[in-house]
C-alpha atoms as a PDB file:
ATOM      1  CA  MET A   1      23.871  -6.066  12.875  1.00  0.00           C
ATOM      2  CA  TRP A   2      20.000  -5.376  12.987  1.00  0.00           C
ATOM      3  CA  VAL A   3      18.274  -5.784   9.614  1.00  0.00           C
ATOM      4  CA  ASP A   4      14.686  -4.277   9.009  1.00  0.00           C
ATOM      5  CA  ARG A   5      12.980  -7.348   7.290  1.00  0.00           C
ATOM      6  CA  ARG A   6       9.849  -5.270   6.628  1.00  0.00           C
ATOM      7  CA  ARG A   7       9.846  -3.350   3.382  1.00  0.00           C
ATOM      8  CA  GLY A   8       7.489  -2.125   0.226  1.00  0.00           C
ATOM      9  CA  VAL A   9       3.716  -1.345   0.093  1.00  0.00           C
ATOM     10  CA  GLY A  10       1.032  -3.844  -0.261  1.00  0.00           C
ATOM     11  CA  MET A  11      -1.904  -2.368  -2.160  1.00  0.00           C
ATOM     12  CA  ILE A  12      -5.647  -3.663  -1.068  1.00  0.00           C
ATOM     13  CA  LEU A  13      -8.138  -3.080  -3.431  1.00  0.00           C
ATOM     14  CA  LEU A  14     -11.878  -3.735  -1.928  1.00  0.00           C
ATOM     15  CA  ASP A  15     -15.345  -3.198  -4.008  1.00  0.00           C
ATOM     16  CA  GLY A  16     -14.040  -5.259  -7.037  1.00  0.00           C
ATOM     17  CA  PRO A  17     -11.861  -4.294 -10.231  1.00  0.00           C
ATOM     18  CA  GLU A  18     -13.668  -0.685 -11.246  1.00  0.00           C
ATOM     19  CA  HIS A  19     -10.294   0.872  -9.915  1.00  0.00           C
ATOM     20  CA  ALA A  20      -8.078  -1.927 -10.565  1.00  0.00           C
ATOM     21  CA  ALA A  21      -5.977  -0.062 -13.528  1.00  0.00           C
ATOM     22  CA  GLU A  22      -5.589   2.776 -11.219  1.00  0.00           C
ATOM     23  CA  VAL A  23      -3.917   0.881  -8.763  1.00  0.00           C
ATOM     24  CA  LEU A  24      -1.804  -0.995 -11.013  1.00  0.00           C
ATOM     25  CA  LYS A  25      -0.779   2.130 -12.421  1.00  0.00           C
ATOM     26  CA  ILE A  26       0.377   3.210  -8.953  1.00  0.00           C
ATOM     27  CA  VAL A  27       2.006  -0.332  -8.347  1.00  0.00           C
ATOM     28  CA  PHE A  28       4.142   0.464 -11.437  1.00  0.00           C
ATOM     29  CA  SER A  29       4.928   3.833 -10.614  1.00  0.00           C
ATOM     30  CA  LEU A  30       6.171   2.607  -7.114  1.00  0.00           C
ATOM     31  CA  ARG A  31       8.276  -0.426  -8.704  1.00  0.00           C
ATOM     32  CA  ARG A  32       9.704   2.133 -11.240  1.00  0.00           C
ATOM     33  CA  ALA A  33      11.052   3.978  -8.267  1.00  0.00           C
ATOM     34  CA  ARG A  34      12.499   0.786  -6.851  1.00  0.00           C
ATOM     35  CA  VAL A  35      10.145   0.543  -4.465  1.00  0.00           C
ATOM     36  CA  SER A  36       8.556  -2.963  -3.590  1.00  0.00           C
ATOM     37  CA  ALA A  37       4.908  -3.009  -4.274  1.00  0.00           C
ATOM     38  CA  ALA A  38       2.263  -5.719  -4.675  1.00  0.00           C
ATOM     39  CA  PHE A  39      -1.394  -5.393  -5.766  1.00  0.00           C
ATOM     40  CA  ILE A  40      -4.008  -7.775  -3.579  1.00  0.00           C
ATOM     41  CA  CYS A  41      -7.412  -7.754  -4.756  1.00  0.00           C
ATOM     42  CA  ASP A  42      -9.914 -10.523  -4.427  1.00  0.00           C
ATOM     43  CA  PRO A  43     -13.580  -9.695  -3.831  1.00  0.00           C
ATOM     44  CA  GLY A  44     -14.075 -13.299  -2.523  1.00  0.00           C
ATOM     45  CA  ARG A  45     -11.974 -12.564   0.255  1.00  0.00           C
ATOM     46  CA  SER A  46     -12.551 -10.293   3.464  1.00  0.00           C
ATOM     47  CA  LEU A  47     -10.368  -7.571   4.391  1.00  0.00           C
ATOM     48  CA  ARG A  48      -9.153  -9.207   7.295  1.00  0.00           C
ATOM     49  CA  SER A  49      -8.100 -12.029   5.265  1.00  0.00           C
ATOM     50  CA  MET A  50      -6.163  -9.607   2.924  1.00  0.00           C
ATOM     51  CA  MET A  51      -4.881  -7.874   5.689  1.00  0.00           C
ATOM     52  CA  ARG A  52      -3.141 -11.040   7.141  1.00  0.00           C
ATOM     53  CA  GLU A  53      -1.680 -11.766   3.680  1.00  0.00           C
ATOM     54  CA  ALA A  54      -0.179  -8.485   3.624  1.00  0.00           C
ATOM     55  CA  ASP A  55       1.368  -8.893   6.971  1.00  0.00           C
ATOM     56  CA  ARG A  56       2.647 -12.473   5.959  1.00  0.00           C
ATOM     57  CA  SER A  57       4.460 -10.759   2.859  1.00  0.00           C
ATOM     58  CA  ASN A  58       6.320  -8.416   5.618  1.00  0.00           C
ATOM     59  CA  PHE A  59       5.199  -4.950   3.908  1.00  0.00           C
ATOM     60  CA  LEU A  60       6.157  -2.097   5.652  1.00  0.00           C
ATOM     61  CA  ASP A  61       2.788  -0.036   4.133  1.00  0.00           C
ATOM     62  CA  VAL A  62      -0.485  -1.238   3.478  1.00  0.00           C
ATOM     63  CA  ILE A  63      -2.885   0.981   1.962  1.00  0.00           C
ATOM     64  CA  VAL A  64      -6.616   0.098   1.605  1.00  0.00           C
ATOM     65  CA  LEU A  65      -8.423   1.488  -1.226  1.00  0.00           C
ATOM     66  CA  GLY A  66     -12.064   1.257  -1.980  1.00  0.00           C
ATOM     67  CA  GLU A  67     -14.979   3.603  -3.402  1.00  0.00           C
ATOM     68  CA  GLN A  68     -14.756   5.900  -0.445  1.00  0.00           C
ATOM     69  CA  GLU A  69     -11.245   6.630  -0.843  1.00  0.00           C
ATOM     70  CA  PHE A  70     -11.615   7.241  -4.729  1.00  0.00           C
ATOM     71  CA  ARG A  71     -14.491   9.329  -4.051  1.00  0.00           C
ATOM     72  CA  ASP A  72     -12.849  11.277  -0.726  1.00  0.00           C
ATOM     73  CA  LYS A  73      -9.694  11.479  -2.740  1.00  0.00           C
ATOM     74  CA  LYS A  74      -7.999  10.375   0.623  1.00  0.00           C
ATOM     75  CA  PHE A  75      -6.063   7.506   1.335  1.00  0.00           C
ATOM     76  CA  LYS A  76      -4.956   6.206   4.742  1.00  0.00           C
ATOM     77  CA  VAL A  77      -1.295   4.034   5.111  1.00  0.00           C
ATOM     78  CA  LYS A  78      -0.965   1.839   7.825  1.00  0.00           C
ATOM     79  CA  ASP A  79       2.458   1.127   9.141  1.00  0.00           C
ATOM     80  CA  MET A  80       3.227  -2.418   9.792  1.00  0.00           C
ATOM     81  CA  GLU A  81       5.392  -2.244  12.315  1.00  0.00           C
ATOM     82  CA  ASP A  82       3.758   0.154  14.860  1.00  0.00           C
ATOM     83  CA  GLY A  83       0.087   0.029  13.671  1.00  0.00           C
ATOM     84  CA  SER A  84      -0.104   3.759  13.078  1.00  0.00           C
ATOM     85  CA  VAL A  85      -2.227   4.885  10.551  1.00  0.00           C
ATOM     86  CA  GLU A  86      -2.015   8.357   8.626  1.00  0.00           C
ATOM     87  CA  GLU A  87      -4.080   9.686   6.033  1.00  0.00           C
ATOM     88  CA  PHE A  88      -3.023  11.726   3.014  1.00  0.00           C
ATOM     89  CA  ASP A  89      -4.149  12.969  -0.458  1.00  0.00           C
ATOM     90  CA  LEU A  90      -4.587  10.748  -3.307  1.00  0.00           C
ATOM     91  CA  GLU A  91      -3.179  12.662  -5.717  1.00  0.00           C
ATOM     92  CA  LYS A  92       0.229  12.210  -3.454  1.00  0.00           C
ATOM     93  CA  ILE A  93      -0.024   8.512  -3.175  1.00  0.00           C
ATOM     94  CA  VAL A  94       3.089   7.810  -5.354  1.00  0.00           C
ATOM     95  CA  ASP A  95       5.310  10.416  -3.905  1.00  0.00           C
ATOM     96  CA  VAL A  96       4.269   9.784  -0.211  1.00  0.00           C
ATOM     97  CA  LEU A  97       4.948   6.113  -0.340  1.00  0.00           C
ATOM     98  CA  ILE A  98       8.126   6.619  -2.053  1.00  0.00           C
ATOM     99  CA  GLU A  99       9.638   8.803   0.679  1.00  0.00           C
ATOM    100  CA  ARG A 100       8.113   6.329   3.517  1.00  0.00           C
ATOM    101  CA  ASN A 101       9.985   3.552   1.646  1.00  0.00           C
ATOM    102  CA  SER A 102      13.251   5.247   1.237  1.00  0.00           C
ATOM    103  CA  TYR A 103      16.431   4.477   3.019  1.00  0.00           C
ATOM    104  CA  GLU A 104      19.907   6.207   3.207  1.00  0.00           C
ATOM    105  CA  ILE A 105      22.774   4.001   3.232  1.00  0.00           C
ATOM    106  CA  GLY A 106      25.560   5.258   5.092  1.00  0.00           C
END
């Protein structure tokens, strides 16, 4: 039996702590919905380094949030299995990620 080892969401925050409370609220909402979620924020590290950490953590989806995403009220989800990227409205972030990380057992 094949088991998918990638699961959950890695939330990478760029540009420092200005939006940390908002991102933590998203992470906690996902966890309440039983979606594994983690917050990665280290202004001293490069985006590439944080993406490598997310990949090593075996997240299914990775979201990078910075000033531009909050300003434009859009976010992109990178599927770490196939590398595809989709864009969504920021106000729907929790619903989109719950749907993408829900699995039917059958």
